[in-house]
Amino acid sequence: MNIKDIKNMDKEQILGLLGLEEDSTLSSVVGALGWIGVGALAGAVVALLLAPKTGRELRETVGRKIKHHADDVMSTARSKVDEFAAEKGGI
């Protein structure tokens, strides 16, 4: 590469050569959505910490909900396995 080649380059090519490409609108939007997600997560943590329940009550409530959802997932998985086995002729 010589001086003549560099003179004929446009802004994007020079920045790309230096590894300093400009951000696209999409990357800006994705970055903003990431920060919104971080803010939502932080808000949820603060809400849990300021909840009117004691720590033990909160842990019990969360534990019951997790167990309930886990039972639902297992039940759905069992029914799907049974459906698949029935379709394949009783594996």
C-alpha atoms as a PDB file:
ATOM      1  CA  MET A   1       0.000   0.000   0.000  1.00  0.00           C
ATOM      2  CA  ASN A   2       1.351   3.409  -0.905  1.00  0.00           C
ATOM      3  CA  ILE A   3       0.379   7.050  -0.288  1.00  0.00           C
ATOM      4  CA  LYS A   4      -1.755   7.185  -3.431  1.00  0.00           C
ATOM      5  CA  ASP A   5      -3.861   4.257  -2.177  1.00  0.00           C
ATOM      6  CA  ILE A   6      -4.392   5.964   1.178  1.00  0.00           C
ATOM      7  CA  LYS A   7      -5.438   9.232  -0.495  1.00  0.00           C
ATOM      8  CA  ASN A   8      -8.115   7.364  -2.460  1.00  0.00           C
ATOM      9  CA  MET A   9      -9.618   5.696   0.641  1.00  0.00           C
ATOM     10  CA  ASP A  10     -12.835   6.961   2.140  1.00  0.00           C
ATOM     11  CA  LYS A  11     -13.497   7.500   5.835  1.00  0.00           C
ATOM     12  CA  GLU A  12     -14.970   4.021   6.473  1.00  0.00           C
ATOM     13  CA  GLN A  13     -12.028   2.278   4.829  1.00  0.00           C
ATOM     14  CA  ILE A  14      -9.469   4.217   6.876  1.00  0.00           C
ATOM     15  CA  LEU A  15     -11.339   3.579  10.126  1.00  0.00           C
ATOM     16  CA  GLY A  16     -11.661  -0.100   9.208  1.00  0.00           C
ATOM     17  CA  LEU A  17      -7.954  -0.316   8.527  1.00  0.00           C
ATOM     18  CA  LEU A  18      -7.276   1.109  11.982  1.00  0.00           C
ATOM     19  CA  GLY A  19      -9.902  -1.113  13.624  1.00  0.00           C
ATOM     20  CA  LEU A  20     -12.070   1.870  14.525  1.00  0.00           C
ATOM     21  CA  GLU A  21     -15.244   1.241  12.559  1.00  0.00           C
ATOM     22  CA  GLU A  22     -18.193   3.481  13.340  1.00  0.00           C
ATOM     23  CA  ASP A  23     -21.045   1.954  15.326  1.00  0.00           C
ATOM     24  CA  SER A  24     -24.168   1.124  13.398  1.00  0.00           C
ATOM     25  CA  THR A  25     -27.638   2.102  14.535  1.00  0.00           C
ATOM     26  CA  LEU A  26     -28.423  -1.546  15.248  1.00  0.00           C
ATOM     27  CA  SER A  27     -25.483  -1.934  17.610  1.00  0.00           C
ATOM     28  CA  SER A  28     -26.546   1.243  19.424  1.00  0.00           C
ATOM     29  CA  VAL A  29     -30.093  -0.074  19.842  1.00  0.00           C
ATOM     30  CA  VAL A  30     -28.856  -3.464  21.059  1.00  0.00           C
ATOM     31  CA  GLY A  31     -26.571  -1.751  23.558  1.00  0.00           C
ATOM     32  CA  ALA A  32     -29.431   0.399  24.839  1.00  0.00           C
ATOM     33  CA  LEU A  33     -31.672  -2.657  25.209  1.00  0.00           C
ATOM     34  CA  GLY A  34     -28.923  -4.377  27.169  1.00  0.00           C
ATOM     35  CA  TRP A  35     -28.754  -1.462  29.604  1.00  0.00           C
ATOM     36  CA  ILE A  36     -32.550  -1.489  29.923  1.00  0.00           C
ATOM     37  CA  GLY A  37     -32.333  -5.187  30.823  1.00  0.00           C
ATOM     38  CA  VAL A  38     -29.649  -4.486  33.427  1.00  0.00           C
ATOM     39  CA  GLY A  39     -31.818  -1.733  34.898  1.00  0.00           C
ATOM     40  CA  ALA A  40     -34.854  -4.027  35.029  1.00  0.00           C
ATOM     41  CA  LEU A  41     -32.833  -6.719  36.781  1.00  0.00           C
ATOM     42  CA  ALA A  42     -31.475  -4.207  39.303  1.00  0.00           C
ATOM     43  CA  GLY A  43     -35.011  -2.944  39.922  1.00  0.00           C
ATOM     44  CA  ALA A  44     -36.248  -6.479  40.539  1.00  0.00           C
ATOM     45  CA  VAL A  45     -33.445  -7.108  43.039  1.00  0.00           C
ATOM     46  CA  VAL A  46     -34.220  -3.868  44.869  1.00  0.00           C
ATOM     47  CA  ALA A  47     -37.924  -4.732  44.926  1.00  0.00           C
ATOM     48  CA  LEU A  48     -37.144  -8.112  46.469  1.00  0.00           C
ATOM     49  CA  LEU A  49     -34.877  -6.545  49.055  1.00  0.00           C
ATOM     50  CA  LEU A  50     -37.520  -4.005  50.033  1.00  0.00           C
ATOM     51  CA  ALA A  51     -40.415  -6.482  50.047  1.00  0.00           C
ATOM     52  CA  PRO A  52     -42.560  -6.496  53.193  1.00  0.00           C
ATOM     53  CA  LYS A  53     -41.862 -10.210  53.760  1.00  0.00           C
ATOM     54  CA  THR A  54     -39.104 -11.572  55.926  1.00  0.00           C
ATOM     55  CA  GLY A  55     -36.214 -13.390  54.288  1.00  0.00           C
ATOM     56  CA  ARG A  56     -37.551 -16.773  55.365  1.00  0.00           C
ATOM     57  CA  GLU A  57     -41.037 -16.042  53.981  1.00  0.00           C
ATOM     58  CA  LEU A  58     -39.583 -14.788  50.726  1.00  0.00           C
ATOM     59  CA  ARG A  59     -37.359 -17.862  50.323  1.00  0.00           C
ATOM     60  CA  GLU A  60     -40.304 -20.159  51.046  1.00  0.00           C
ATOM     61  CA  THR A  61     -42.503 -18.356  48.526  1.00  0.00           C
ATOM     62  CA  VAL A  62     -39.807 -18.431  45.848  1.00  0.00           C
ATOM     63  CA  GLY A  63     -39.064 -22.090  46.606  1.00  0.00           C
ATOM     64  CA  ARG A  64     -42.744 -23.055  46.286  1.00  0.00           C
ATOM     65  CA  LYS A  65     -43.049 -21.230  42.966  1.00  0.00           C
ATOM     66  CA  ILE A  66     -39.885 -22.838  41.588  1.00  0.00           C
ATOM     67  CA  LYS A  67     -41.076 -26.297  42.671  1.00  0.00           C
ATOM     68  CA  HIS A  68     -44.496 -25.674  41.122  1.00  0.00           C
ATOM     69  CA  HIS A  69     -42.973 -24.612  37.797  1.00  0.00           C
ATOM     70  CA  ALA A  70     -40.492 -27.501  37.861  1.00  0.00           C
ATOM     71  CA  ASP A  71     -43.383 -29.924  38.411  1.00  0.00           C
ATOM     72  CA  ASP A  72     -45.218 -28.366  35.448  1.00  0.00           C
ATOM     73  CA  VAL A  73     -42.145 -28.730  33.230  1.00  0.00           C
ATOM     74  CA  MET A  74     -41.655 -32.373  34.246  1.00  0.00           C
ATOM     75  CA  SER A  75     -45.326 -33.146  33.655  1.00  0.00           C
ATOM     76  CA  THR A  76     -45.213 -31.569  30.202  1.00  0.00           C
ATOM     77  CA  ALA A  77     -41.981 -33.408  29.374  1.00  0.00           C
ATOM     78  CA  ARG A  78     -43.485 -36.756  30.432  1.00  0.00           C
ATOM     79  CA  SER A  79     -46.580 -36.199  28.305  1.00  0.00           C
ATOM     80  CA  LYS A  80     -44.442 -35.245  25.283  1.00  0.00           C
ATOM     81  CA  VAL A  81     -42.312 -38.375  25.724  1.00  0.00           C
ATOM     82  CA  ASP A  82     -45.462 -40.487  25.945  1.00  0.00           C
ATOM     83  CA  GLU A  83     -46.881 -38.836  22.804  1.00  0.00           C
ATOM     84  CA  PHE A  84     -43.616 -39.430  20.942  1.00  0.00           C
ATOM     85  CA  ALA A  85     -43.521 -43.070  22.041  1.00  0.00           C
ATOM     86  CA  ALA A  86     -47.126 -43.567  20.923  1.00  0.00           C
ATOM     87  CA  GLU A  87     -46.333 -42.056  17.504  1.00  0.00           C
ATOM     88  CA  LYS A  88     -43.290 -44.305  17.059  1.00  0.00           C
ATOM     89  CA  GLY A  89     -45.248 -47.443  17.886  1.00  0.00           C
ATOM     90  CA  GLY A  90     -44.491 -47.894  21.564  1.00  0.00           C
ATOM     91  CA  ILE A  91     -40.735 -47.756  21.951  1.00  0.00           C
END
